[in-house]
Protein backbone atom coordinates (compact mmCIF):
# COMPACT_ATOMS: atom_id res chain seq x y z
CA UNK A 1 -189.99 48.44 48.23
CA UNK A 2 -189.67 50.86 45.33
CA UNK A 3 -186.59 52.85 44.40
CA UNK A 4 -185.06 55.37 42.04
CA UNK A 5 -181.36 55.20 41.24
CA UNK A 6 -179.16 57.34 39.03
CA UNK A 7 -175.41 57.43 38.47
CA UNK A 8 -172.80 59.52 36.73
CA UNK A 9 -169.05 59.25 36.16
CA UNK A 10 -167.24 62.33 37.44
CA UNK A 11 -163.68 63.16 36.43
CA UNK A 12 -162.56 64.09 39.92
CA UNK A 13 -160.83 62.08 42.64
CA UNK A 14 -163.14 60.76 45.32
CA UNK A 15 -161.59 63.10 47.93
CA UNK A 16 -162.44 66.19 45.84
CA UNK A 17 -165.94 64.99 45.06
CA UNK A 18 -166.68 64.09 48.69
CA UNK A 19 -165.53 67.50 49.94
CA UNK A 20 -167.58 69.31 47.28
CA UNK A 21 -170.65 67.23 48.11
CA UNK A 22 -170.34 67.63 51.89
CA UNK A 23 -169.93 71.43 51.76
CA UNK A 24 -173.66 72.13 52.08
CA UNK A 25 -173.13 75.90 52.39
CA UNK A 26 -171.86 76.00 48.78
CA UNK A 27 -174.87 74.21 47.26
CA UNK A 28 -176.59 77.44 46.15
CA UNK A 29 -173.43 78.30 44.17
CA UNK A 30 -173.65 75.29 41.88
CA UNK A 31 -177.11 73.73 41.81
CA UNK A 32 -180.73 74.85 41.59
CA UNK A 33 -182.29 71.57 42.68
CA UNK A 34 -181.50 71.22 46.37
CA UNK A 35 -180.13 73.07 49.35
CA UNK A 36 -179.13 71.39 52.59
CA UNK A 37 -178.29 72.86 55.96
CA UNK A 38 -177.31 71.30 59.26
CA UNK A 39 -174.44 69.24 60.60
CA UNK A 40 -173.68 66.04 58.68
CA UNK A 41 -173.39 63.80 61.73
CA UNK A 42 -175.06 60.47 62.34
CA UNK A 43 -178.49 60.97 63.92
CA UNK A 44 -178.67 64.70 63.23
CA UNK A 45 -181.60 66.25 61.41
CA UNK A 46 -180.88 68.23 58.27
CA UNK A 47 -183.06 70.85 56.64
CA UNK A 48 -183.48 70.06 52.94
CA UNK A 49 -185.19 72.29 50.37
CA UNK A 50 -185.95 70.86 46.95
CA UNK A 51 -187.16 72.70 43.87
CA UNK A 52 -188.46 70.61 40.96
CA UNK A 53 -190.46 71.90 38.01
CA UNK A 54 -191.31 75.10 39.82
CA UNK A 55 -192.56 73.27 42.92
CA UNK A 56 -190.72 73.70 46.18
CA UNK A 57 -190.79 71.39 49.17
CA UNK A 58 -188.81 71.07 52.35
CA UNK A 59 -188.30 68.32 54.88
CA UNK A 60 -186.12 67.43 57.85
CA UNK A 61 -184.62 63.97 57.40
CA UNK A 62 -182.26 62.31 59.85
CA UNK A 63 -178.70 61.35 58.84
CA UNK A 64 -178.74 57.55 58.90
CA UNK A 65 -175.34 56.56 57.44
CA UNK A 66 -171.96 58.17 56.93
CA UNK A 67 -168.95 56.30 55.62
CA UNK A 68 -166.22 58.85 55.02
CA UNK A 69 -165.64 59.47 51.30
CA UNK A 70 -167.91 56.53 50.43
CA UNK A 71 -171.54 56.83 51.54
CA UNK A 72 -173.95 59.41 52.90
CA UNK A 73 -177.63 58.69 53.57
CA UNK A 74 -180.59 60.29 55.25
CA UNK A 75 -184.04 58.98 56.07
CA UNK A 76 -187.31 60.83 56.20
CA UNK A 77 -190.72 59.46 57.08
CA UNK A 78 -194.36 60.28 57.37
CA UNK A 79 -196.56 58.50 59.88
CA UNK A 80 -193.66 56.84 61.70
CA UNK A 81 -192.56 55.27 58.43
CA UNK A 82 -195.54 52.96 58.14
CA UNK A 83 -197.32 55.34 55.80
CA UNK A 84 -194.31 56.51 53.83
CA UNK A 85 -190.56 56.67 54.27
CA UNK A 86 -187.61 57.30 52.04
CA UNK A 87 -183.91 56.63 52.42
CA UNK A 88 -182.03 59.04 50.18
CA UNK A 89 -178.52 57.90 49.39
CA UNK A 90 -175.34 59.23 47.83
CA UNK A 91 -172.57 56.68 47.20
CA UNK A 92 -169.09 57.34 45.88
CA UNK A 93 -166.93 54.71 44.14
CA UNK A 94 -163.42 55.29 42.76
CA UNK A 95 -163.34 54.28 39.13
CA UNK A 96 -160.03 54.57 37.35
CA UNK A 97 -157.41 57.17 38.04
CA UNK A 98 -158.91 60.46 39.19
CA UNK A 99 -162.53 59.45 38.52
CA UNK A 100 -165.48 58.67 40.76
CA UNK A 101 -168.78 56.94 40.07
CA UNK A 102 -171.50 58.88 41.89
CA UNK A 103 -174.62 56.84 42.69
CA UNK A 104 -177.63 58.91 43.77
CA UNK A 105 -180.95 57.35 44.68
CA UNK A 106 -183.75 56.76 47.10
CA UNK A 107 -185.51 53.69 48.47
CA UNK A 108 -189.18 54.13 49.33
CA UNK A 109 -191.34 52.05 51.65
CA UNK A 110 -194.66 52.26 53.48
CA UNK A 111 -198.34 51.90 52.66
CA UNK A 112 -198.43 54.94 50.36
CA UNK A 113 -195.02 54.47 48.74
CA UNK A 114 -196.35 53.03 45.48
CA UNK A 115 -198.93 55.81 45.02
CA UNK A 116 -196.50 58.58 45.97
CA UNK A 117 -193.76 57.19 43.76
CA UNK A 118 -196.20 56.96 40.85
CA UNK A 119 -197.02 60.64 41.33
CA UNK A 120 -193.51 62.02 41.92
CA UNK A 121 -191.22 59.34 40.47
CA UNK A 122 -190.47 60.92 37.10
CA UNK A 123 -189.85 64.44 38.42
CA UNK A 124 -187.78 63.04 41.30
CA UNK A 125 -185.55 61.11 38.92
CA UNK A 126 -185.17 64.21 36.72
CA UNK A 127 -184.16 66.18 39.82
CA UNK A 128 -181.55 63.56 40.75
CA UNK A 129 -180.10 63.69 37.23
CA UNK A 130 -179.98 67.51 37.29
CA UNK A 131 -178.25 67.46 40.68
CA UNK A 132 -175.74 64.87 39.43
CA UNK A 133 -174.87 66.93 36.36
CA UNK A 134 -174.43 70.09 38.42
CA UNK A 135 -172.20 68.26 40.92
CA UNK A 136 -170.16 66.83 38.05
CA UNK A 137 -169.57 70.25 36.52
CA UNK A 138 -168.74 71.81 39.88
CA UNK A 139 -166.34 69.06 40.99
CA UNK A 140 -164.60 68.80 37.62
CA UNK A 141 -164.03 72.59 37.65
CA UNK A 142 -162.35 72.21 41.06
CA UNK A 143 -159.84 69.74 39.58
CA UNK A 144 -158.80 71.98 36.70
């Protein structure tokens, strides 16, 4: 299994960060990397649009894990997961007073995962970092 993982320390309480993250309708107001629509409930499909380096893509992953104010994950696949699948995760950890460590990553599996990750790995990681920075700025502005 291959993976990409990024993290950032955000000067906002976990409750504020979680609410900002889960308000999908506000995503266009604060980031240019990703939009999400749909109900964040276990088993539901979301509609995700991603724009990286001028290339747009969209997919419909299924919400696979929700732990209130702690973890949110979705899983998408191609070829019933045997060919390629990815579990995209967002984890939130309190770190000191009024701060949260935001972990953002994806675990890839399937026959084509190595080849696909080799092709998109760098731009995907850059997109995660850009999303993280935008979320940090947005959430920290909410605290002020």
